Every structure is written in structure tokens, then in C-alpha cells.
N, C-alpha and C. Protein backbone atom coordinates (compact mmCIF):
# COMPACT_ATOMS: atom_id res chain seq x y z
N MET A 1 -2.46 -25.81 11.77
CA MET A 1 -3.11 -24.91 10.82
C MET A 1 -3.64 -23.70 11.60
N THR A 2 -3.32 -22.53 11.11
CA THR A 2 -3.80 -21.31 11.77
C THR A 2 -5.26 -21.05 11.41
N ALA A 3 -5.90 -20.16 12.15
CA ALA A 3 -7.31 -19.84 11.88
C ALA A 3 -7.52 -19.29 10.46
N PRO A 4 -6.69 -18.35 9.99
CA PRO A 4 -6.88 -17.86 8.62
C PRO A 4 -6.69 -18.96 7.57
N GLU A 5 -5.75 -19.88 7.80
CA GLU A 5 -5.56 -20.99 6.87
C GLU A 5 -6.78 -21.90 6.86
N HIS A 6 -7.33 -22.16 8.03
CA HIS A 6 -8.52 -23.01 8.14
C HIS A 6 -9.70 -22.37 7.42
N ARG A 7 -9.88 -21.08 7.64
CA ARG A 7 -10.97 -20.35 6.96
C ARG A 7 -10.82 -20.43 5.45
N THR A 8 -9.63 -20.21 4.94
CA THR A 8 -9.39 -20.29 3.50
C THR A 8 -9.70 -21.68 2.98
N GLU A 9 -9.27 -22.70 3.69
CA GLU A 9 -9.52 -24.08 3.29
C GLU A 9 -11.02 -24.37 3.23
N MET A 10 -11.77 -23.92 4.22
CA MET A 10 -13.21 -24.17 4.25
C MET A 10 -13.93 -23.40 3.15
N ILE A 11 -13.51 -22.18 2.87
CA ILE A 11 -14.12 -21.41 1.77
C ILE A 11 -13.93 -22.16 0.45
N ILE A 12 -12.73 -22.65 0.22
CA ILE A 12 -12.45 -23.40 -1.01
C ILE A 12 -13.30 -24.67 -1.07
N ARG A 13 -13.33 -25.42 0.01
CA ARG A 13 -14.10 -26.68 0.02
C ARG A 13 -15.59 -26.44 -0.20
N PHE A 14 -16.17 -25.47 0.50
CA PHE A 14 -17.59 -25.21 0.35
C PHE A 14 -17.93 -24.64 -1.01
N SER A 15 -17.03 -23.83 -1.58
CA SER A 15 -17.26 -23.30 -2.92
C SER A 15 -17.29 -24.43 -3.95
N ILE A 16 -16.37 -25.36 -3.84
CA ILE A 16 -16.34 -26.50 -4.75
C ILE A 16 -17.59 -27.35 -4.57
N TRP A 17 -17.94 -27.63 -3.32
CA TRP A 17 -19.13 -28.44 -3.02
C TRP A 17 -20.38 -27.79 -3.59
N ASP A 18 -20.50 -26.48 -3.40
CA ASP A 18 -21.66 -25.74 -3.89
C ASP A 18 -21.75 -25.82 -5.41
N GLN A 19 -20.62 -25.66 -6.08
CA GLN A 19 -20.62 -25.72 -7.54
C GLN A 19 -20.95 -27.12 -8.05
N VAL A 20 -20.45 -28.14 -7.41
CA VAL A 20 -20.69 -29.51 -7.84
C VAL A 20 -22.15 -29.91 -7.60
N THR A 21 -22.74 -29.47 -6.50
CA THR A 21 -24.09 -29.89 -6.16
C THR A 21 -25.19 -29.20 -6.94
N ASP A 22 -25.15 -27.87 -7.08
CA ASP A 22 -26.27 -27.23 -7.78
C ASP A 22 -26.06 -25.78 -8.20
N ALA A 23 -24.87 -25.30 -8.27
CA ALA A 23 -24.66 -23.88 -8.57
C ALA A 23 -24.08 -23.67 -9.97
N THR A 24 -24.46 -24.48 -10.92
CA THR A 24 -23.94 -24.37 -12.28
C THR A 24 -24.19 -22.98 -12.85
N GLY A 25 -23.12 -22.32 -13.25
CA GLY A 25 -23.22 -21.00 -13.86
C GLY A 25 -23.36 -19.85 -12.89
N LEU A 26 -23.44 -20.12 -11.60
CA LEU A 26 -23.58 -19.06 -10.61
C LEU A 26 -22.42 -19.10 -9.63
N THR A 27 -22.08 -17.96 -9.07
CA THR A 27 -21.04 -17.94 -8.05
C THR A 27 -21.68 -18.15 -6.69
N THR A 28 -20.90 -18.64 -5.77
CA THR A 28 -21.40 -18.91 -4.43
C THR A 28 -21.87 -17.63 -3.74
N ALA A 29 -21.18 -16.53 -3.98
CA ALA A 29 -21.49 -15.28 -3.30
C ALA A 29 -22.83 -14.67 -3.73
N THR A 30 -23.28 -14.96 -4.95
CA THR A 30 -24.50 -14.30 -5.44
C THR A 30 -25.70 -15.23 -5.49
N ARG A 31 -25.53 -16.52 -5.25
CA ARG A 31 -26.64 -17.45 -5.33
C ARG A 31 -27.53 -17.32 -4.09
N PRO A 32 -28.81 -17.05 -4.25
CA PRO A 32 -29.69 -16.94 -3.09
C PRO A 32 -29.87 -18.28 -2.38
N ARG A 33 -29.94 -18.22 -1.08
CA ARG A 33 -30.09 -19.43 -0.27
C ARG A 33 -31.56 -19.67 0.03
N THR A 34 -32.31 -20.12 -0.96
CA THR A 34 -33.75 -20.34 -0.79
C THR A 34 -34.05 -21.58 0.04
N ASP A 35 -33.09 -22.51 0.13
CA ASP A 35 -33.33 -23.73 0.89
C ASP A 35 -33.46 -23.47 2.38
N SER A 36 -32.95 -22.34 2.88
CA SER A 36 -33.04 -22.05 4.29
C SER A 36 -33.86 -20.79 4.58
N ALA A 37 -34.67 -20.39 3.61
CA ALA A 37 -35.48 -19.19 3.78
C ALA A 37 -36.58 -19.42 4.81
N PRO A 38 -36.89 -18.43 5.63
CA PRO A 38 -37.96 -18.57 6.62
C PRO A 38 -39.30 -18.88 5.93
N GLY A 39 -40.09 -19.71 6.54
CA GLY A 39 -41.39 -20.03 6.00
C GLY A 39 -41.40 -21.21 5.03
N LYS A 40 -40.22 -21.69 4.66
CA LYS A 40 -40.15 -22.86 3.77
C LYS A 40 -40.23 -24.13 4.60
N PRO A 41 -40.91 -25.13 4.10
CA PRO A 41 -41.02 -26.39 4.86
C PRO A 41 -39.69 -27.13 4.89
């Protein structure tokens, strides 16, 4: 598998995972990442 193919595969996998876990109605690109924001416990 070439690097671009690997990157495409990971983008697809993480997008699906994100949608299944908690991104209902939102796209991966626009959902804020509050879980890793500085200052959060």
C-alpha cells in the first residue's frame, strides 16, 4: 500500500468512527475537538 492509499484509508476509517461514536449530523471537518482542548481535565 502506498502512502497516499494509506492516508485515504485512514481518513475513511476515522470519518466512519467519528460518525458512529458521536458526530451525528455533523461532518468531521467542522466538528470542534473540545475533548482535547487545553485546560480541560
